[in-house]
Amino acid sequence: MSEDLTNRLVVAVIEQHETKIWPTNAIKGTKPEVIHPLDSNNHHVSEAQHHTGRDSDKANKNYFEEISKTLDTAGEILLVGHGHGKSNAVLKFIQHLERHHANVAHKVVGSLDINIPAMTDGELLAAARAWFDEPIHQR
């Protein structure tokens, strides 16, 4: 990743098929770090496999481990997602953090449930910045 996340306010847009991570102070047009899940043979798992439940728990764990490792140095983390029930990747990720990475879980300051497919990367980052800028969320 070109951006250093150390002690930064960070947004992680987590979906079953990909995660995008930016520091909230990223310059307009900055590309996010993108993480994709891999199956147990290090092959990309298709979104259809996720939706039908044919992905393995090990693949999810490896995917979540990679996200956790990337977020480890962040100061505060805002998670963004849009799923419900079995497709709620943010909820699954939070559960993974609580079980395996309590130090990262404590850095999660909130989550947004928004329509990710309808938004551009710039709009996602702007929504995260707006969340952090609300007086209730300021330190």
C-alpha atoms as a PDB file:
ATOM      1  CA  MET A   1       0.000   0.000   0.000  1.00  0.00           C
ATOM      2  CA  SER A   2       1.323   3.429  -0.848  1.00  0.00           C
ATOM      3  CA  GLU A   3      -0.375   5.114   2.124  1.00  0.00           C
ATOM      4  CA  ASP A   4       0.889   4.528   5.661  1.00  0.00           C
ATOM      5  CA  LEU A   5      -2.050   3.772   7.982  1.00  0.00           C
ATOM      6  CA  THR A   6      -0.085   4.152  11.217  1.00  0.00           C
ATOM      7  CA  ASN A   7      -2.248   5.970  13.793  1.00  0.00           C
ATOM      8  CA  ARG A   8      -4.561   7.253  11.062  1.00  0.00           C
ATOM      9  CA  LEU A   9      -8.332   7.391  10.840  1.00  0.00           C
ATOM     10  CA  VAL A  10      -9.070   4.611   8.357  1.00  0.00           C
ATOM     11  CA  VAL A  11     -12.127   3.475   6.409  1.00  0.00           C
ATOM     12  CA  ALA A  12     -12.485  -0.164   5.389  1.00  0.00           C
ATOM     13  CA  VAL A  13     -15.242  -0.947   2.888  1.00  0.00           C
ATOM     14  CA  ILE A  14     -15.795  -4.661   3.414  1.00  0.00           C
ATOM     15  CA  GLU A  15     -17.738  -6.830   0.998  1.00  0.00           C
ATOM     16  CA  GLN A  16     -17.613 -10.576   0.517  1.00  0.00           C
ATOM     17  CA  HIS A  17     -15.736 -10.276  -2.767  1.00  0.00           C
ATOM     18  CA  GLU A  18     -13.366  -7.419  -1.909  1.00  0.00           C
ATOM     19  CA  THR A  19     -12.250  -4.930   0.718  1.00  0.00           C
ATOM     20  CA  LYS A  20     -11.069  -1.390   0.001  1.00  0.00           C
ATOM     21  CA  ILE A  21      -9.031   0.481   2.609  1.00  0.00           C
ATOM     22  CA  TRP A  22      -8.082   4.169   2.721  1.00  0.00           C
ATOM     23  CA  PRO A  23      -6.817   6.597   5.321  1.00  0.00           C
ATOM     24  CA  THR A  24      -9.552   9.252   5.582  1.00  0.00           C
ATOM     25  CA  ASN A  25      -7.024  11.977   4.773  1.00  0.00           C
ATOM     26  CA  ALA A  26      -6.260  10.408   1.380  1.00  0.00           C
ATOM     27  CA  ILE A  27      -5.892  12.922  -1.420  1.00  0.00           C
ATOM     28  CA  LYS A  28      -8.757  12.970  -3.916  1.00  0.00           C
ATOM     29  CA  GLY A  29      -8.179  10.286  -6.531  1.00  0.00           C
ATOM     30  CA  THR A  30      -5.996   8.117  -4.274  1.00  0.00           C
ATOM     31  CA  LYS A  31      -6.557   4.458  -5.029  1.00  0.00           C
ATOM     32  CA  PRO A  32      -7.442   2.291  -2.046  1.00  0.00           C
ATOM     33  CA  GLU A  33      -5.608  -0.819  -0.942  1.00  0.00           C
ATOM     34  CA  VAL A  34      -7.743  -3.651  -2.339  1.00  0.00           C
ATOM     35  CA  ILE A  35      -7.878  -7.100  -0.756  1.00  0.00           C
ATOM     36  CA  HIS A  36      -9.600 -10.068  -2.395  1.00  0.00           C
ATOM     37  CA  PRO A  37     -10.457 -13.390  -0.779  1.00  0.00           C
ATOM     38  CA  LEU A  38      -8.528 -16.457  -1.819  1.00  0.00           C
ATOM     39  CA  ASP A  39      -9.754 -20.031  -1.529  1.00  0.00           C
ATOM     40  CA  SER A  40      -7.680 -22.681   0.236  1.00  0.00           C
ATOM     41  CA  ASN A  41      -5.660 -23.241  -2.955  1.00  0.00           C
ATOM     42  CA  ASN A  42      -4.916 -19.501  -3.275  1.00  0.00           C
ATOM     43  CA  HIS A  43      -7.432 -19.064  -6.064  1.00  0.00           C
ATOM     44  CA  HIS A  44      -9.806 -16.150  -6.101  1.00  0.00           C
ATOM     45  CA  VAL A  45     -13.249 -17.149  -4.860  1.00  0.00           C
ATOM     46  CA  SER A  46     -16.034 -15.952  -7.117  1.00  0.00           C
ATOM     47  CA  GLU A  47     -18.836 -13.830  -5.734  1.00  0.00           C
ATOM     48  CA  ALA A  48     -21.311 -16.542  -6.804  1.00  0.00           C
ATOM     49  CA  GLN A  49     -19.514 -19.020  -4.547  1.00  0.00           C
ATOM     50  CA  HIS A  50     -19.932 -16.618  -1.640  1.00  0.00           C
ATOM     51  CA  HIS A  51     -23.633 -16.138  -2.325  1.00  0.00           C
ATOM     52  CA  THR A  52     -24.335 -19.865  -2.534  1.00  0.00           C
ATOM     53  CA  GLY A  53     -22.341 -20.650   0.601  1.00  0.00           C
ATOM     54  CA  ARG A  54     -19.770 -22.692  -1.318  1.00  0.00           C
ATOM     55  CA  ASP A  55     -16.834 -20.742   0.011  1.00  0.00           C
ATOM     56  CA  SER A  56     -14.996 -22.292   2.905  1.00  0.00           C
ATOM     57  CA  ASP A  57     -14.572 -20.997   6.434  1.00  0.00           C
ATOM     58  CA  LYS A  58     -10.824 -21.235   5.854  1.00  0.00           C
ATOM     59  CA  ALA A  59     -11.100 -18.899   2.858  1.00  0.00           C
ATOM     60  CA  ASN A  60     -13.013 -16.378   4.986  1.00  0.00           C
ATOM     61  CA  LYS A  61     -10.451 -16.687   7.774  1.00  0.00           C
ATOM     62  CA  ASN A  62      -7.556 -16.091   5.358  1.00  0.00           C
ATOM     63  CA  TYR A  63      -9.398 -13.117   3.834  1.00  0.00           C
ATOM     64  CA  PHE A  64     -10.161 -11.641   7.257  1.00  0.00           C
ATOM     65  CA  GLU A  65      -6.583 -12.282   8.415  1.00  0.00           C
ATOM     66  CA  GLU A  66      -5.266 -10.252   5.477  1.00  0.00           C
ATOM     67  CA  ILE A  67      -7.656  -7.385   6.269  1.00  0.00           C
ATOM     68  CA  SER A  68      -6.725  -7.551   9.975  1.00  0.00           C
ATOM     69  CA  LYS A  69      -3.019  -7.419   9.159  1.00  0.00           C
ATOM     70  CA  THR A  70      -3.535  -4.369   6.956  1.00  0.00           C
ATOM     71  CA  LEU A  71      -5.550  -2.555   9.643  1.00  0.00           C
ATOM     72  CA  ASP A  72      -3.234  -3.471  12.529  1.00  0.00           C
ATOM     73  CA  THR A  73      -1.397  -0.125  12.682  1.00  0.00           C
ATOM     74  CA  ALA A  74      -4.461   2.099  12.151  1.00  0.00           C
ATOM     75  CA  GLY A  75      -5.454   4.492  14.902  1.00  0.00           C
ATOM     76  CA  GLU A  76      -9.237   4.322  14.463  1.00  0.00           C
ATOM     77  CA  ILE A  77     -11.249   2.266  11.990  1.00  0.00           C
ATOM     78  CA  LEU A  78     -14.655   2.891  10.438  1.00  0.00           C
ATOM     79  CA  LEU A  79     -16.131  -0.199   8.789  1.00  0.00           C
ATOM     80  CA  VAL A  80     -18.503   0.196   5.847  1.00  0.00           C
ATOM     81  CA  GLY A  81     -20.745  -2.566   4.550  1.00  0.00           C
ATOM     82  CA  HIS A  82     -24.160  -3.292   3.108  1.00  0.00           C
ATOM     83  CA  GLY A  83     -25.035  -6.933   3.707  1.00  0.00           C
ATOM     84  CA  HIS A  84     -27.671  -8.564   5.869  1.00  0.00           C
ATOM     85  CA  GLY A  85     -27.830 -12.016   7.425  1.00  0.00           C
ATOM     86  CA  LYS A  86     -25.354 -14.501   5.925  1.00  0.00           C
ATOM     87  CA  SER A  87     -24.078 -11.904   3.481  1.00  0.00           C
ATOM     88  CA  ASN A  88     -23.092  -9.377   6.172  1.00  0.00           C
ATOM     89  CA  ALA A  89     -19.326  -9.351   5.676  1.00  0.00           C
ATOM     90  CA  VAL A  90     -18.803  -6.545   8.220  1.00  0.00           C
ATOM     91  CA  LEU A  91     -20.525  -8.528  10.972  1.00  0.00           C
ATOM     92  CA  LYS A  92     -18.470 -11.626  10.130  1.00  0.00           C
ATOM     93  CA  PHE A  93     -15.302  -9.526  10.126  1.00  0.00           C
ATOM     94  CA  ILE A  94     -16.106  -7.950  13.519  1.00  0.00           C
ATOM     95  CA  GLN A  95     -16.689 -11.424  14.960  1.00  0.00           C
ATOM     96  CA  HIS A  96     -13.339 -12.533  13.530  1.00  0.00           C
ATOM     97  CA  LEU A  97     -11.604  -9.513  15.095  1.00  0.00           C
ATOM     98  CA  GLU A  98     -13.185 -10.127  18.484  1.00  0.00           C
ATOM     99  CA  ARG A  99     -12.058 -13.769  18.452  1.00  0.00           C
ATOM    100  CA  HIS A 100      -8.581 -13.376  16.968  1.00  0.00           C
ATOM    101  CA  HIS A 101      -7.453  -9.717  17.011  1.00  0.00           C
ATOM    102  CA  ALA A 102      -8.820  -7.908  20.061  1.00  0.00           C
ATOM    103  CA  ASN A 103      -6.204  -5.169  19.593  1.00  0.00           C
ATOM    104  CA  VAL A 104      -7.652  -4.327  16.160  1.00  0.00           C
ATOM    105  CA  ALA A 105     -11.277  -4.797  17.317  1.00  0.00           C
ATOM    106  CA  HIS A 106     -10.745  -2.056  19.942  1.00  0.00           C
ATOM    107  CA  LYS A 107      -9.808   0.368  17.168  1.00  0.00           C
ATOM    108  CA  VAL A 108     -13.187  -0.016  15.427  1.00  0.00           C
ATOM    109  CA  VAL A 109     -15.101   3.159  16.270  1.00  0.00           C
ATOM    110  CA  GLY A 110     -18.207   2.548  14.174  1.00  0.00           C
ATOM    111  CA  SER A 111     -19.789   1.119  11.079  1.00  0.00           C
ATOM    112  CA  LEU A 112     -21.920   2.416   8.244  1.00  0.00           C
ATOM    113  CA  ASP A 113     -24.502   0.376   6.392  1.00  0.00           C
ATOM    114  CA  ILE A 114     -24.807   1.961   2.953  1.00  0.00           C
ATOM    115  CA  ASN A 115     -25.539   0.914  -0.622  1.00  0.00           C
ATOM    116  CA  ILE A 116     -21.946   0.292  -1.676  1.00  0.00           C
ATOM    117  CA  PRO A 117     -22.668  -0.844  -5.272  1.00  0.00           C
ATOM    118  CA  ALA A 118     -24.440   2.457  -5.971  1.00  0.00           C
ATOM    119  CA  MET A 119     -21.472   4.575  -4.890  1.00  0.00           C
ATOM    120  CA  THR A 120     -18.144   5.502  -6.407  1.00  0.00           C
ATOM    121  CA  ASP A 121     -14.915   5.190  -4.436  1.00  0.00           C
ATOM    122  CA  GLY A 122     -14.916   8.964  -3.946  1.00  0.00           C
ATOM    123  CA  GLU A 123     -18.464   8.895  -2.577  1.00  0.00           C
ATOM    124  CA  LEU A 124     -17.574   6.060  -0.180  1.00  0.00           C
ATOM    125  CA  LEU A 125     -14.580   7.976   1.140  1.00  0.00           C
ATOM    126  CA  ALA A 126     -16.663  11.171   1.413  1.00  0.00           C
ATOM    127  CA  ALA A 127     -19.324   9.302   3.451  1.00  0.00           C
ATOM    128  CA  ALA A 128     -16.613   8.052   5.811  1.00  0.00           C
ATOM    129  CA  ARG A 129     -15.117  11.528   6.190  1.00  0.00           C
ATOM    130  CA  ALA A 130     -18.589  12.943   6.899  1.00  0.00           C
ATOM    131  CA  TRP A 131     -19.122  10.290   9.595  1.00  0.00           C
ATOM    132  CA  PHE A 132     -15.815  11.172  11.290  1.00  0.00           C
ATOM    133  CA  ASP A 133     -16.593  14.906  10.982  1.00  0.00           C
ATOM    134  CA  GLU A 134     -19.921  14.660  12.848  1.00  0.00           C
ATOM    135  CA  PRO A 135     -19.492  16.360  16.252  1.00  0.00           C
ATOM    136  CA  ILE A 136     -20.629  13.206  18.087  1.00  0.00           C
ATOM    137  CA  HIS A 137     -17.686  11.261  16.599  1.00  0.00           C
ATOM    138  CA  GLN A 138     -14.952  13.818  17.184  1.00  0.00           C
ATOM    139  CA  ARG A 139     -12.400  13.219  19.889  1.00  0.00           C
END
